[in-house]
C-alpha atoms as a PDB file:
ATOM      1  CA  MET A   1      -3.885  -2.478 -16.961  1.00  0.00           C
ATOM      2  CA  SER A   2      -1.021  -0.812 -18.618  1.00  0.00           C
ATOM      3  CA  THR A   3       2.097  -0.707 -17.380  1.00  0.00           C
ATOM      4  CA  ILE A   4       3.440   1.991 -14.412  1.00  0.00           C
ATOM      5  CA  ARG A   5       6.406   3.868 -15.782  1.00  0.00           C
ATOM      6  CA  LEU A   6       8.826   5.067 -13.092  1.00  0.00           C
ATOM      7  CA  PRO A   7      11.507   7.330 -14.546  1.00  0.00           C
ATOM      8  CA  ARG A   8      12.112   8.986 -11.508  1.00  0.00           C
ATOM      9  CA  ASP A   9      13.888   6.913  -8.736  1.00  0.00           C
ATOM     10  CA  ALA A  10      13.919   6.578  -4.799  1.00  0.00           C
ATOM     11  CA  LYS A  11      16.263   5.353  -2.608  1.00  0.00           C
ATOM     12  CA  ALA A  12      13.753   2.272  -0.877  1.00  0.00           C
ATOM     13  CA  GLY A  13      12.803   1.695  -4.469  1.00  0.00           C
ATOM     14  CA  PRO A  14       9.532   1.135  -6.253  1.00  0.00           C
ATOM     15  CA  THR A  15       7.037  -1.751  -4.873  1.00  0.00           C
ATOM     16  CA  LYS A  16       7.344  -3.886  -7.501  1.00  0.00           C
ATOM     17  CA  PRO A  17       4.726  -5.058  -9.976  1.00  0.00           C
ATOM     18  CA  GLU A  18       3.461  -8.205  -8.416  1.00  0.00           C
ATOM     19  CA  VAL A  19       3.402  -6.944  -5.134  1.00  0.00           C
ATOM     20  CA  ARG A  20       1.188  -3.694  -6.415  1.00  0.00           C
ATOM     21  CA  ALA A  21      -1.148  -6.258  -7.956  1.00  0.00           C
ATOM     22  CA  VAL A  22      -1.841  -7.485  -4.633  1.00  0.00           C
ATOM     23  CA  VAL A  23      -2.231  -4.252  -3.029  1.00  0.00           C
ATOM     24  CA  ARG A  24      -4.728  -3.383  -5.785  1.00  0.00           C
ATOM     25  CA  GLN A  25      -6.805  -6.559  -5.204  1.00  0.00           C
ATOM     26  CA  LYS A  26      -6.693  -6.009  -1.137  1.00  0.00           C
ATOM     27  CA  LEU A  27      -7.775  -2.503  -1.717  1.00  0.00           C
ATOM     28  CA  ALA A  28     -10.704  -3.048  -4.071  1.00  0.00           C
ATOM     29  CA  LEU A  29     -11.371   0.210  -4.824  1.00  0.00           C
ATOM     30  CA  ASP A  30     -14.541   2.070  -6.455  1.00  0.00           C
ATOM     31  CA  ASP A  31     -13.772   4.621  -8.278  1.00  0.00           C
ATOM     32  CA  ASP A  32     -15.900   6.923  -5.923  1.00  0.00           C
ATOM     33  CA  GLU A  33     -13.968   6.266  -2.734  1.00  0.00           C
ATOM     34  CA  HIS A  34     -10.810   8.119  -1.095  1.00  0.00           C
ATOM     35  CA  VAL A  35      -7.512   6.194  -1.059  1.00  0.00           C
ATOM     36  CA  VAL A  36      -4.911   7.372   1.113  1.00  0.00           C
ATOM     37  CA  GLU A  37      -0.937   6.326   1.060  1.00  0.00           C
ATOM     38  CA  VAL A  38       1.137   6.557   3.743  1.00  0.00           C
ATOM     39  CA  GLY A  39       4.878   6.591   2.351  1.00  0.00           C
ATOM     40  CA  ALA A  40       4.311   7.336  -1.188  1.00  0.00           C
ATOM     41  CA  CYS A  41       8.351   7.327  -1.953  1.00  0.00           C
ATOM     42  CA  THR A  42       8.211   6.826  -5.789  1.00  0.00           C
ATOM     43  CA  GLY A  43       4.539   6.832  -6.174  1.00  0.00           C
ATOM     44  CA  ALA A  44       4.296   3.314  -7.852  1.00  0.00           C
ATOM     45  CA  VAL A  45       1.604   2.523  -5.690  1.00  0.00           C
ATOM     46  CA  THR A  46      -0.053   6.035  -5.946  1.00  0.00           C
ATOM     47  CA  ALA A  47      -0.263   5.658  -9.736  1.00  0.00           C
ATOM     48  CA  THR A  48      -1.908   2.561  -9.470  1.00  0.00           C
ATOM     49  CA  VAL A  49      -4.475   3.394  -7.294  1.00  0.00           C
ATOM     50  CA  ALA A  50      -5.145   6.839  -9.168  1.00  0.00           C
ATOM     51  CA  ARG A  51      -6.225   4.347 -11.408  1.00  0.00           C
ATOM     52  CA  ASP A  52      -9.043   3.131  -9.495  1.00  0.00           C
ATOM     53  CA  ALA A  53     -10.324   5.191  -7.084  1.00  0.00           C
ATOM     54  CA  GLY A  54     -12.191   8.667  -7.138  1.00  0.00           C
ATOM     55  CA  ARG A  55      -9.725  10.471  -5.069  1.00  0.00           C
ATOM     56  CA  VAL A  56      -6.237  10.015  -3.814  1.00  0.00           C
ATOM     57  CA  THR A  57      -4.177  11.422  -1.316  1.00  0.00           C
ATOM     58  CA  ALA A  58      -0.207  10.668  -0.605  1.00  0.00           C
ATOM     59  CA  LEU A  59       1.612  11.539   2.413  1.00  0.00           C
ATOM     60  CA  GLU A  60       5.577  11.470   1.842  1.00  0.00           C
ATOM     61  CA  ARG A  61       7.849  13.157   4.664  1.00  0.00           C
ATOM     62  CA  VAL A  62      10.828  12.929   2.442  1.00  0.00           C
ATOM     63  CA  ALA A  63      11.527  15.703   0.446  1.00  0.00           C
ATOM     64  CA  GLU A  64      13.474  14.131  -2.748  1.00  0.00           C
ATOM     65  CA  LYS A  65      10.940  11.111  -2.177  1.00  0.00           C
ATOM     66  CA  LEU A  66       8.074  13.488  -2.891  1.00  0.00           C
ATOM     67  CA  ASP A  67       9.302  15.211  -6.033  1.00  0.00           C
ATOM     68  CA  ALA A  68      10.451  11.846  -7.070  1.00  0.00           C
ATOM     69  CA  THR A  69       6.507  10.580  -6.527  1.00  0.00           C
ATOM     70  CA  GLU A  70       5.246  13.978  -8.429  1.00  0.00           C
ATOM     71  CA  ALA A  71       7.891  13.807 -11.482  1.00  0.00           C
ATOM     72  CA  ASN A  72       6.279   9.585 -11.749  1.00  0.00           C
ATOM     73  CA  LEU A  73       2.896  10.936 -11.331  1.00  0.00           C
ATOM     74  CA  ALA A  74       3.165  13.281 -14.136  1.00  0.00           C
ATOM     75  CA  ALA A  75       4.987  10.819 -16.533  1.00  0.00           C
ATOM     76  CA  ASN A  76       1.576   8.145 -15.977  1.00  0.00           C
ATOM     77  CA  ASP A  77      -0.643  11.102 -16.554  1.00  0.00           C
ATOM     78  CA  CYS A  78      -2.433  10.941 -13.375  1.00  0.00           C
ATOM     79  CA  ARG A  79      -0.655  14.007 -11.467  1.00  0.00           C
ATOM     80  CA  ASP A  80      -3.871  16.081 -11.279  1.00  0.00           C
ATOM     81  CA  ALA A  81      -5.963  13.100  -9.593  1.00  0.00           C
ATOM     82  CA  VAL A  82      -3.800  13.048  -6.903  1.00  0.00           C
ATOM     83  CA  GLU A  83      -3.404  15.622  -4.045  1.00  0.00           C
ATOM     84  CA  LEU A  84       0.245  15.076  -2.331  1.00  0.00           C
ATOM     85  CA  VAL A  85       0.976  16.010   1.167  1.00  0.00           C
ATOM     86  CA  ALA A  86       4.927  16.694   2.424  1.00  0.00           C
ATOM     87  CA  ALA A  87       3.984  15.097   6.164  1.00  0.00           C
ATOM     88  CA  GLU A  88       5.058  12.531   8.312  1.00  0.00           C
ATOM     89  CA  ALA A  89       1.700  10.448   9.391  1.00  0.00           C
ATOM     90  CA  PRO A  90      -0.229  10.609  11.580  1.00  0.00           C
ATOM     91  CA  ASP A  91       0.172  14.291  10.803  1.00  0.00           C
ATOM     92  CA  GLY A  92      -1.430  15.306   6.765  1.00  0.00           C
ATOM     93  CA  LEU A  93      -3.889  12.394   7.383  1.00  0.00           C
ATOM     94  CA  PRO A  94      -7.474  13.188   6.458  1.00  0.00           C
ATOM     95  CA  ASP A  95     -10.376  12.243   8.557  1.00  0.00           C
ATOM     96  CA  ASP A  96     -12.722  11.542   5.288  1.00  0.00           C
ATOM     97  CA  TYR A  97     -11.603   8.125   3.579  1.00  0.00           C
ATOM     98  CA  ASP A  98     -12.061   4.963   2.547  1.00  0.00           C
ATOM     99  CA  ALA A  99      -9.027   2.886   2.123  1.00  0.00           C
ATOM    100  CA  LEU A 100      -5.599   3.481   3.442  1.00  0.00           C
ATOM    101  CA  PHE A 101      -2.155   2.086   2.672  1.00  0.00           C
ATOM    102  CA  LEU A 102       0.516   2.247   4.344  1.00  0.00           C
ATOM    103  CA  GLY A 103       3.905   1.573   1.966  1.00  0.00           C
ATOM    104  CA  GLY A 104       6.082   2.580   4.930  1.00  0.00           C
ATOM    105  CA  THR A 105       5.919   1.314   8.496  1.00  0.00           C
ATOM    106  CA  ARG A 106       7.196   4.658  10.530  1.00  0.00           C
ATOM    107  CA  ASN A 107       4.884   5.640  13.045  1.00  0.00           C
ATOM    108  CA  TYR A 108       2.458   2.617  12.205  1.00  0.00           C
ATOM    109  CA  GLU A 109       0.973   2.705  15.777  1.00  0.00           C
ATOM    110  CA  ALA A 110      -0.370   6.226  15.277  1.00  0.00           C
ATOM    111  CA  VAL A 111      -1.346   5.726  12.110  1.00  0.00           C
ATOM    112  CA  LEU A 112      -3.756   2.622  12.921  1.00  0.00           C
ATOM    113  CA  ASP A 113      -5.414   4.500  15.627  1.00  0.00           C
ATOM    114  CA  HIS A 114      -5.982   7.461  13.471  1.00  0.00           C
ATOM    115  CA  ALA A 115      -7.906   4.496  11.270  1.00  0.00           C
ATOM    116  CA  VAL A 116      -9.525   2.835  13.929  1.00  0.00           C
ATOM    117  CA  ALA A 117     -10.687   6.584  15.316  1.00  0.00           C
ATOM    118  CA  THR A 118     -12.016   7.120  11.172  1.00  0.00           C
ATOM    119  CA  GLY A 119     -13.725   3.946  10.978  1.00  0.00           C
ATOM    120  CA  VAL A 120     -12.001   3.551   7.814  1.00  0.00           C
ATOM    121  CA  ASP A 121     -13.090   0.650   5.601  1.00  0.00           C
ATOM    122  CA  ARG A 122      -9.915  -0.882   4.297  1.00  0.00           C
ATOM    123  CA  VAL A 123      -6.376  -1.051   5.383  1.00  0.00           C
ATOM    124  CA  VAL A 124      -3.658  -2.615   3.824  1.00  0.00           C
ATOM    125  CA  THR A 125       0.202  -2.731   5.155  1.00  0.00           C
ATOM    126  CA  ASN A 126       3.299  -4.259   3.246  1.00  0.00           C
ATOM    127  CA  VAL A 127       6.331  -5.060   4.829  1.00  0.00           C
ATOM    128  CA  SER A 128       9.061  -6.803   3.986  1.00  0.00           C
ATOM    129  CA  ARG A 129      11.289  -7.362   7.515  1.00  0.00           C
ATOM    130  CA  LEU A 130       9.667  -9.736   9.676  1.00  0.00           C
ATOM    131  CA  GLU A 131      10.281  -8.597  12.702  1.00  0.00           C
ATOM    132  CA  VAL A 132       8.455  -5.599  11.895  1.00  0.00           C
ATOM    133  CA  ALA A 133       5.780  -7.643  10.146  1.00  0.00           C
ATOM    134  CA  GLY A 134       5.248  -9.353  13.420  1.00  0.00           C
ATOM    135  CA  GLY A 135       4.882  -6.058  15.543  1.00  0.00           C
ATOM    136  CA  VAL A 136       2.251  -4.572  12.591  1.00  0.00           C
ATOM    137  CA  VAL A 137       0.017  -8.138  12.852  1.00  0.00           C
ATOM    138  CA  ASP A 138      -0.067  -7.675  17.047  1.00  0.00           C
ATOM    139  CA  ALA A 139      -0.743  -3.939  16.380  1.00  0.00           C
ATOM    140  CA  TYR A 140      -3.440  -4.606  13.402  1.00  0.00           C
ATOM    141  CA  ARG A 141      -4.928  -7.385  16.367  1.00  0.00           C
ATOM    142  CA  GLU A 142      -4.908  -5.358  19.329  1.00  0.00           C
ATOM    143  CA  ARG A 143      -6.815  -2.735  17.221  1.00  0.00           C
ATOM    144  CA  ASP A 144      -9.223  -5.156  16.254  1.00  0.00           C
ATOM    145  CA  LEU A 145      -8.681  -4.721  12.658  1.00  0.00           C
ATOM    146  CA  LEU A 146      -6.801  -8.099  11.669  1.00  0.00           C
ATOM    147  CA  GLU A 147      -8.738  -9.730   9.097  1.00  0.00           C
ATOM    148  CA  ASP A 148      -5.906 -11.240   6.563  1.00  0.00           C
ATOM    149  CA  VAL A 149      -1.888 -12.076   6.572  1.00  0.00           C
ATOM    150  CA  VAL A 150      -0.516 -12.759   3.021  1.00  0.00           C
ATOM    151  CA  GLN A 151       2.936 -13.429   2.835  1.00  0.00           C
ATOM    152  CA  PHE A 152       4.185 -14.126  -0.701  1.00  0.00           C
ATOM    153  CA  GLN A 153       7.620 -14.219  -2.415  1.00  0.00           C
ATOM    154  CA  VAL A 154       7.915 -13.226  -6.513  1.00  0.00           C
ATOM    155  CA  SER A 155      10.683 -14.853  -8.626  1.00  0.00           C
ATOM    156  CA  HIS A 156      11.531 -13.860 -12.248  1.00  0.00           C
ATOM    157  CA  GLY A 157      13.517 -15.946 -14.481  1.00  0.00           C
ATOM    158  CA  TYR A 158      16.841 -15.653 -16.089  1.00  0.00           C
ATOM    159  CA  GLU A 159      18.744 -17.959 -18.396  1.00  0.00           C
ATOM    160  CA  LEU A 160      21.568 -20.115 -17.303  1.00  0.00           C
ATOM    161  CA  ALA A 161      23.021 -22.427 -19.278  1.00  0.00           C
ATOM    162  CA  GLY A 162      20.638 -22.266 -21.918  1.00  0.00           C
ATOM    163  CA  ALA A 163      17.490 -22.989 -19.580  1.00  0.00           C
ATOM    164  CA  THR A 164      15.842 -20.960 -17.034  1.00  0.00           C
ATOM    165  CA  SER A 165      16.683 -20.299 -13.246  1.00  0.00           C
ATOM    166  CA  PHE A 166      15.334 -18.042 -11.263  1.00  0.00           C
ATOM    167  CA  ASP A 167      15.942 -14.703  -9.267  1.00  0.00           C
ATOM    168  CA  ALA A 168      14.040 -14.567  -6.004  1.00  0.00           C
ATOM    169  CA  GLU A 169      12.455 -10.868  -4.288  1.00  0.00           C
ATOM    170  CA  ASN A 170      12.195 -10.404  -1.064  1.00  0.00           C
ATOM    171  CA  PRO A 171       9.501 -11.813   0.492  1.00  0.00           C
ATOM    172  CA  VAL A 172       6.762  -9.585   1.426  1.00  0.00           C
ATOM    173  CA  TYR A 173       3.838  -9.483   3.956  1.00  0.00           C
ATOM    174  CA  THR A 174       0.398  -7.828   3.376  1.00  0.00           C
ATOM    175  CA  VAL A 175      -1.559  -6.901   6.633  1.00  0.00           C
ATOM    176  CA  VAL A 176      -5.081  -6.721   5.471  1.00  0.00           C
ATOM    177  CA  GLY A 177      -7.609  -5.107   7.939  1.00  0.00           C
ATOM    178  CA  SER A 178     -11.014  -3.017   8.672  1.00  0.00           C
ATOM    179  CA  ALA A 179     -11.865  -0.445  11.260  1.00  0.00           C
ATOM    180  CA  SER A 180     -15.950  -0.154  10.130  1.00  0.00           C
ATOM    181  CA  ASP A 181     -18.391  -1.850  11.626  1.00  0.00           C
ATOM    182  CA  GLY A 182     -18.589  -4.705   8.783  1.00  0.00           C
ATOM    183  CA  SER A 183     -21.029  -3.123   6.356  1.00  0.00           C
ATOM    184  CA  GLY A 184     -17.850  -1.982   3.543  1.00  0.00           C
ATOM    185  CA  SER A 185     -15.918  -3.974   1.939  1.00  0.00           C
ATOM    186  CA  ASP A 186     -16.933  -7.233   0.369  1.00  0.00           C
ATOM    187  CA  THR A 187     -13.503  -8.589  -0.829  1.00  0.00           C
ATOM    188  CA  ASP A 188     -12.507 -11.634  -0.544  1.00  0.00           C
ATOM    189  CA  THR A 189      -9.566 -11.648   1.876  1.00  0.00           C
ATOM    190  CA  GLY A 190      -9.924 -14.721   4.172  1.00  0.00           C
ATOM    191  CA  THR A 191      -9.298 -15.238   7.764  1.00  0.00           C
ATOM    192  CA  ALA A 192      -5.883 -14.253   9.650  1.00  0.00           C
ATOM    193  CA  GLY A 193      -4.683 -18.156  10.547  1.00  0.00           C
ATOM    194  CA  GLY A 194      -7.677 -19.832   9.238  1.00  0.00           C
ATOM    195  CA  GLU A 195      -9.984 -20.672   5.959  1.00  0.00           C
ATOM    196  CA  PRO A 196     -11.557 -18.085   3.995  1.00  0.00           C
END
């Protein structure tokens, strides 16, 4: 997979490449599927999933972030593959999608309610704040969506006194679930709190 170029920044910053790789694996998109992203921000995840899915809808409520998404999608030659929607979810969410990625947690409970109502096959949420992660996991569990929770931290090496030391990125919690009847994805997500 080639590198995603992000010439235009947004305040929240892009989802790191290693995190995008996990999101991509958990979404396990086919080229005939429709994926929806809530909270597109810089478009880093949007550009990543546009390489796998047949159709992408990306929602962003902040105008300057939507502009950043548009510019970054153009830089990655995938602007035409994505429908950008200026809306705050759950407004703007379509009723016909196979997978849902929540890059932001604003209104996440209403978005998860929409996912349940539409029976979406895969739902993935990234969270970096511990207290919010607990709330998201509880919300998945209350809606009978929860399949897996992954916590990971990436560290990048740098030279220190002629040797290699590491700078750690903020830990990320990836919450994975499904609102389908079980006939959907065959991804290896494991089971929350237990062995796969």
